[in-house]
């Protein structure tokens, strides 16, 4: 019989631990500084680096919010779709590269309205696209989603799914 390591000794457990408020604040401040630098420097980041930068943002968001999964999807105006570019957590390998119509799902709602949403029970929300989620291999219970903007234009959506240790995302998370 094989025994699992005690949680405090497991590398997985260390990754899944909730960040402290001070470490979360420090991470937020680093992201804000990075965004300010990118904005000040103009579009100097190469395409390959953009993908890595988006992945760093989604990884950081998952850690800040203590989420089981997270994603960033960008609008493809020509095709009237949202393309999932990067993801973190369960189902990420089945999500990246998938598209959804602009008028579908919570992601579509956020992109088309420009309004963030926090949903405690996605099964009770008519905007939730159960079929799409099932195809990714991960159906969340709760979602916090916010539009991504450049100036006044919505260019995508960031979603964080299933807060670890809590049934939903709170008001502070939305802020």
C-alpha atoms as a PDB file:
ATOM      1  CA  UNK A   1       0.000   0.000   0.000  1.00  0.00           C
ATOM      2  CA  UNK A   2       1.362   3.412  -0.967  1.00  0.00           C
ATOM      3  CA  UNK A   3       0.742   6.408   1.240  1.00  0.00           C
ATOM      4  CA  UNK A   4       0.348   9.927  -0.096  1.00  0.00           C
ATOM      5  CA  UNK A   5       2.683  12.542   1.315  1.00  0.00           C
ATOM      6  CA  UNK A   6       1.356  14.698   4.117  1.00  0.00           C
ATOM      7  CA  UNK A   7      -0.262  17.831   2.620  1.00  0.00           C
ATOM      8  CA  UNK A   8       2.301  20.234   4.039  1.00  0.00           C
ATOM      9  CA  UNK A   9       5.079  18.230   2.346  1.00  0.00           C
ATOM     10  CA  UNK A  10       3.451  17.985  -1.059  1.00  0.00           C
ATOM     11  CA  UNK A  11       4.563  20.350  -3.841  1.00  0.00           C
ATOM     12  CA  UNK A  12       1.013  20.215  -5.202  1.00  0.00           C
ATOM     13  CA  UNK A  13      -0.377  21.295  -1.837  1.00  0.00           C
ATOM     14  CA  UNK A  14       2.047  24.220  -1.697  1.00  0.00           C
ATOM     15  CA  UNK A  15       0.846  25.397  -5.118  1.00  0.00           C
ATOM     16  CA  UNK A  16      -2.824  25.110  -4.117  1.00  0.00           C
ATOM     17  CA  UNK A  17      -2.484  26.974  -0.808  1.00  0.00           C
ATOM     18  CA  UNK A  18      -4.355  30.240  -0.709  1.00  0.00           C
ATOM     19  CA  UNK A  19      -2.084  33.238  -1.123  1.00  0.00           C
ATOM     20  CA  UNK A  20      -1.809  35.587   1.803  1.00  0.00           C
ATOM     21  CA  UNK A  21      -3.295  39.036   1.464  1.00  0.00           C
ATOM     22  CA  UNK A  22       0.174  40.607   1.423  1.00  0.00           C
ATOM     23  CA  UNK A  23       1.478  38.236  -1.279  1.00  0.00           C
ATOM     24  CA  UNK A  24      -1.666  38.838  -3.350  1.00  0.00           C
ATOM     25  CA  UNK A  25      -1.267  42.596  -3.023  1.00  0.00           C
ATOM     26  CA  UNK A  26       2.391  42.390  -4.024  1.00  0.00           C
ATOM     27  CA  UNK A  27       1.475  40.329  -7.092  1.00  0.00           C
ATOM     28  CA  UNK A  28      -1.252  42.802  -8.064  1.00  0.00           C
ATOM     29  CA  UNK A  29       1.221  45.683  -7.736  1.00  0.00           C
ATOM     30  CA  UNK A  30       3.735  43.857  -9.953  1.00  0.00           C
ATOM     31  CA  UNK A  31       1.085  43.261 -12.617  1.00  0.00           C
ATOM     32  CA  UNK A  32       0.002  46.909 -12.520  1.00  0.00           C
ATOM     33  CA  UNK A  33       3.630  48.050 -12.924  1.00  0.00           C
ATOM     34  CA  UNK A  34       4.081  45.640 -15.830  1.00  0.00           C
ATOM     35  CA  UNK A  35       0.919  46.897 -17.548  1.00  0.00           C
ATOM     36  CA  UNK A  36       2.007  50.519 -17.042  1.00  0.00           C
ATOM     37  CA  UNK A  37       5.411  49.747 -18.555  1.00  0.00           C
ATOM     38  CA  UNK A  38       3.848  47.987 -21.542  1.00  0.00           C
ATOM     39  CA  UNK A  39       1.450  50.869 -22.129  1.00  0.00           C
ATOM     40  CA  UNK A  40       4.257  53.441 -21.857  1.00  0.00           C
ATOM     41  CA  UNK A  41       6.498  51.437 -24.191  1.00  0.00           C
ATOM     42  CA  UNK A  42       3.850  50.941 -26.828  1.00  0.00           C
ATOM     43  CA  UNK A  43       3.476  47.651 -28.663  1.00  0.00           C
ATOM     44  CA  UNK A  44       7.048  46.392 -28.432  1.00  0.00           C
ATOM     45  CA  UNK A  45       6.320  42.831 -27.342  1.00  0.00           C
ATOM     46  CA  UNK A  46       6.690  40.097 -29.949  1.00  0.00           C
ATOM     47  CA  UNK A  47       3.827  37.692 -30.699  1.00  0.00           C
ATOM     48  CA  UNK A  48       5.515  34.757 -28.958  1.00  0.00           C
ATOM     49  CA  UNK A  49       6.091  36.911 -25.913  1.00  0.00           C
ATOM     50  CA  UNK A  50       2.460  38.074 -25.969  1.00  0.00           C
ATOM     51  CA  UNK A  51       1.346  34.467 -25.477  1.00  0.00           C
ATOM     52  CA  UNK A  52       3.767  34.076 -22.575  1.00  0.00           C
ATOM     53  CA  UNK A  53       2.613  37.379 -21.087  1.00  0.00           C
ATOM     54  CA  UNK A  54      -1.050  36.341 -21.295  1.00  0.00           C
ATOM     55  CA  UNK A  55      -0.180  33.027 -19.649  1.00  0.00           C
ATOM     56  CA  UNK A  56       1.623  34.873 -16.863  1.00  0.00           C
ATOM     57  CA  UNK A  57      -1.460  37.049 -16.311  1.00  0.00           C
ATOM     58  CA  UNK A  58      -3.860  34.111 -16.169  1.00  0.00           C
ATOM     59  CA  UNK A  59      -1.548  32.184 -13.819  1.00  0.00           C
ATOM     60  CA  UNK A  60      -1.293  35.241 -11.570  1.00  0.00           C
ATOM     61  CA  UNK A  61      -5.067  35.768 -11.614  1.00  0.00           C
ATOM     62  CA  UNK A  62      -5.672  32.173 -10.561  1.00  0.00           C
ATOM     63  CA  UNK A  63      -3.242  32.616  -7.665  1.00  0.00           C
ATOM     64  CA  UNK A  64      -4.596  36.015  -6.603  1.00  0.00           C
ATOM     65  CA  UNK A  65      -8.194  34.797  -6.553  1.00  0.00           C
ATOM     66  CA  UNK A  66      -7.408  31.324  -5.256  1.00  0.00           C
ATOM     67  CA  UNK A  67      -9.181  29.832  -8.281  1.00  0.00           C
ATOM     68  CA  UNK A  68      -9.126  26.245  -9.494  1.00  0.00           C
ATOM     69  CA  UNK A  69      -8.999  27.425 -13.111  1.00  0.00           C
ATOM     70  CA  UNK A  70      -8.757  30.618 -15.157  1.00  0.00           C
ATOM     71  CA  UNK A  71      -8.625  31.714 -18.784  1.00  0.00           C
ATOM     72  CA  UNK A  72      -8.159  34.637 -21.133  1.00  0.00           C
ATOM     73  CA  UNK A  73     -10.101  34.767 -24.373  1.00  0.00           C
ATOM     74  CA  UNK A  74      -9.697  37.431 -27.052  1.00  0.00           C
ATOM     75  CA  UNK A  75     -12.228  38.777 -29.539  1.00  0.00           C
ATOM     76  CA  UNK A  76     -11.812  37.874 -33.207  1.00  0.00           C
ATOM     77  CA  UNK A  77     -13.910  40.648 -34.766  1.00  0.00           C
ATOM     78  CA  UNK A  78     -13.671  39.318 -38.328  1.00  0.00           C
ATOM     79  CA  UNK A  79     -15.098  35.920 -37.333  1.00  0.00           C
ATOM     80  CA  UNK A  80     -17.417  37.264 -34.614  1.00  0.00           C
ATOM     81  CA  UNK A  81     -15.901  34.805 -32.149  1.00  0.00           C
ATOM     82  CA  UNK A  82     -14.025  34.689 -28.908  1.00  0.00           C
ATOM     83  CA  UNK A  83     -10.798  32.644 -29.005  1.00  0.00           C
ATOM     84  CA  UNK A  84      -9.477  31.120 -25.793  1.00  0.00           C
ATOM     85  CA  UNK A  85      -5.764  31.963 -25.895  1.00  0.00           C
ATOM     86  CA  UNK A  86      -4.454  30.780 -22.514  1.00  0.00           C
ATOM     87  CA  UNK A  87      -5.738  28.872 -19.504  1.00  0.00           C
ATOM     88  CA  UNK A  88      -4.745  27.660 -16.070  1.00  0.00           C
ATOM     89  CA  UNK A  89      -5.918  24.592 -14.180  1.00  0.00           C
ATOM     90  CA  UNK A  90      -8.115  21.637 -14.993  1.00  0.00           C
ATOM     91  CA  UNK A  91      -9.205  21.365 -18.635  1.00  0.00           C
ATOM     92  CA  UNK A  92      -6.706  23.935 -19.910  1.00  0.00           C
ATOM     93  CA  UNK A  93      -5.403  21.639 -22.644  1.00  0.00           C
ATOM     94  CA  UNK A  94      -8.959  21.228 -23.970  1.00  0.00           C
ATOM     95  CA  UNK A  95      -9.820  24.934 -23.754  1.00  0.00           C
ATOM     96  CA  UNK A  96      -6.910  26.730 -25.429  1.00  0.00           C
ATOM     97  CA  UNK A  97      -7.634  27.208 -29.126  1.00  0.00           C
ATOM     98  CA  UNK A  98     -11.405  26.730 -28.811  1.00  0.00           C
ATOM     99  CA  UNK A  99     -13.786  29.422 -29.993  1.00  0.00           C
ATOM    100  CA  UNK A 100     -17.258  30.488 -28.996  1.00  0.00           C
ATOM    101  CA  UNK A 101     -19.618  32.875 -30.767  1.00  0.00           C
ATOM    102  CA  UNK A 102     -19.707  36.432 -29.458  1.00  0.00           C
ATOM    103  CA  UNK A 103     -23.309  35.992 -28.351  1.00  0.00           C
ATOM    104  CA  UNK A 104     -22.799  32.744 -26.418  1.00  0.00           C
ATOM    105  CA  UNK A 105     -21.962  31.939 -22.827  1.00  0.00           C
ATOM    106  CA  UNK A 106     -20.910  34.137 -19.960  1.00  0.00           C
ATOM    107  CA  UNK A 107     -17.759  35.085 -21.866  1.00  0.00           C
ATOM    108  CA  UNK A 108     -19.903  36.337 -24.754  1.00  0.00           C
ATOM    109  CA  UNK A 109     -22.116  38.275 -22.364  1.00  0.00           C
ATOM    110  CA  UNK A 110     -19.111  40.000 -20.782  1.00  0.00           C
ATOM    111  CA  UNK A 111     -17.573  40.847 -24.162  1.00  0.00           C
ATOM    112  CA  UNK A 112     -20.770  42.185 -25.724  1.00  0.00           C
ATOM    113  CA  UNK A 113     -21.958  44.184 -22.693  1.00  0.00           C
ATOM    114  CA  UNK A 114     -18.575  45.216 -21.330  1.00  0.00           C
ATOM    115  CA  UNK A 115     -19.862  44.365 -17.843  1.00  0.00           C
ATOM    116  CA  UNK A 116     -18.114  42.060 -15.365  1.00  0.00           C
ATOM    117  CA  UNK A 117     -20.144  39.228 -13.830  1.00  0.00           C
ATOM    118  CA  UNK A 118     -19.911  37.054 -10.755  1.00  0.00           C
ATOM    119  CA  UNK A 119     -22.043  33.905 -10.837  1.00  0.00           C
ATOM    120  CA  UNK A 120     -22.320  31.696  -7.755  1.00  0.00           C
ATOM    121  CA  UNK A 121     -24.091  28.767  -9.433  1.00  0.00           C
ATOM    122  CA  UNK A 122     -23.541  28.612 -13.190  1.00  0.00           C
ATOM    123  CA  UNK A 123     -26.148  25.851 -13.560  1.00  0.00           C
ATOM    124  CA  UNK A 124     -28.815  28.391 -12.593  1.00  0.00           C
ATOM    125  CA  UNK A 125     -27.636  31.075 -15.020  1.00  0.00           C
ATOM    126  CA  UNK A 126     -29.224  30.951 -18.495  1.00  0.00           C
ATOM    127  CA  UNK A 127     -26.160  32.656 -20.023  1.00  0.00           C
ATOM    128  CA  UNK A 128     -23.901  29.738 -19.059  1.00  0.00           C
ATOM    129  CA  UNK A 129     -23.004  27.474 -21.995  1.00  0.00           C
ATOM    130  CA  UNK A 130     -23.083  23.976 -20.453  1.00  0.00           C
ATOM    131  CA  UNK A 131     -22.294  22.214 -23.733  1.00  0.00           C
ATOM    132  CA  UNK A 132     -19.152  24.278 -24.341  1.00  0.00           C
ATOM    133  CA  UNK A 133     -17.925  23.740 -20.770  1.00  0.00           C
ATOM    134  CA  UNK A 134     -18.531  19.994 -20.986  1.00  0.00           C
ATOM    135  CA  UNK A 135     -16.375  19.767 -24.121  1.00  0.00           C
ATOM    136  CA  UNK A 136     -13.434  21.274 -22.237  1.00  0.00           C
ATOM    137  CA  UNK A 137     -13.581  18.584 -19.566  1.00  0.00           C
ATOM    138  CA  UNK A 138     -14.205  21.069 -16.751  1.00  0.00           C
ATOM    139  CA  UNK A 139     -17.621  22.353 -15.732  1.00  0.00           C
ATOM    140  CA  UNK A 140     -17.264  25.019 -13.045  1.00  0.00           C
ATOM    141  CA  UNK A 141     -19.632  25.847 -10.219  1.00  0.00           C
ATOM    142  CA  UNK A 142     -18.853  29.562  -9.973  1.00  0.00           C
ATOM    143  CA  UNK A 143     -17.323  32.129 -12.312  1.00  0.00           C
ATOM    144  CA  UNK A 144     -15.959  35.626 -12.012  1.00  0.00           C
ATOM    145  CA  UNK A 145     -15.474  37.213 -15.439  1.00  0.00           C
ATOM    146  CA  UNK A 146     -14.299  40.666 -16.432  1.00  0.00           C
ATOM    147  CA  UNK A 147     -13.858  42.397 -19.775  1.00  0.00           C
ATOM    148  CA  UNK A 148     -10.361  43.166 -21.027  1.00  0.00           C
ATOM    149  CA  UNK A 149     -10.126  46.609 -22.597  1.00  0.00           C
ATOM    150  CA  UNK A 150      -7.833  48.777 -24.637  1.00  0.00           C
ATOM    151  CA  UNK A 151      -9.089  52.309 -24.124  1.00  0.00           C
ATOM    152  CA  UNK A 152     -12.883  52.061 -24.650  1.00  0.00           C
ATOM    153  CA  UNK A 153     -12.826  48.878 -26.736  1.00  0.00           C
ATOM    154  CA  UNK A 154     -13.426  45.412 -25.233  1.00  0.00           C
ATOM    155  CA  UNK A 155     -10.778  43.081 -26.646  1.00  0.00           C
ATOM    156  CA  UNK A 156     -11.483  39.990 -24.578  1.00  0.00           C
ATOM    157  CA  UNK A 157     -12.481  38.457 -21.279  1.00  0.00           C
ATOM    158  CA  UNK A 158     -10.686  36.991 -18.289  1.00  0.00           C
ATOM    159  CA  UNK A 159     -12.500  34.331 -16.298  1.00  0.00           C
ATOM    160  CA  UNK A 160     -11.573  32.792 -12.961  1.00  0.00           C
ATOM    161  CA  UNK A 161     -13.439  29.645 -11.972  1.00  0.00           C
ATOM    162  CA  UNK A 162     -14.281  28.002  -8.657  1.00  0.00           C
ATOM    163  CA  UNK A 163     -12.679  29.788  -5.748  1.00  0.00           C
ATOM    164  CA  UNK A 164     -10.821  27.219  -3.668  1.00  0.00           C
ATOM    165  CA  UNK A 165     -12.110  27.190  -0.101  1.00  0.00           C
ATOM    166  CA  UNK A 166     -15.225  29.284  -0.799  1.00  0.00           C
ATOM    167  CA  UNK A 167     -18.487  28.621  -2.668  1.00  0.00           C
ATOM    168  CA  UNK A 168     -18.300  31.856  -4.636  1.00  0.00           C
ATOM    169  CA  UNK A 169     -16.294  34.957  -5.430  1.00  0.00           C
ATOM    170  CA  UNK A 170     -17.020  37.874  -3.127  1.00  0.00           C
ATOM    171  CA  UNK A 171     -17.483  41.605  -3.542  1.00  0.00           C
ATOM    172  CA  UNK A 172     -13.777  42.184  -2.847  1.00  0.00           C
ATOM    173  CA  UNK A 173     -12.898  39.765  -5.667  1.00  0.00           C
ATOM    174  CA  UNK A 174     -15.137  41.692  -8.061  1.00  0.00           C
ATOM    175  CA  UNK A 175     -13.465  44.981  -7.120  1.00  0.00           C
END
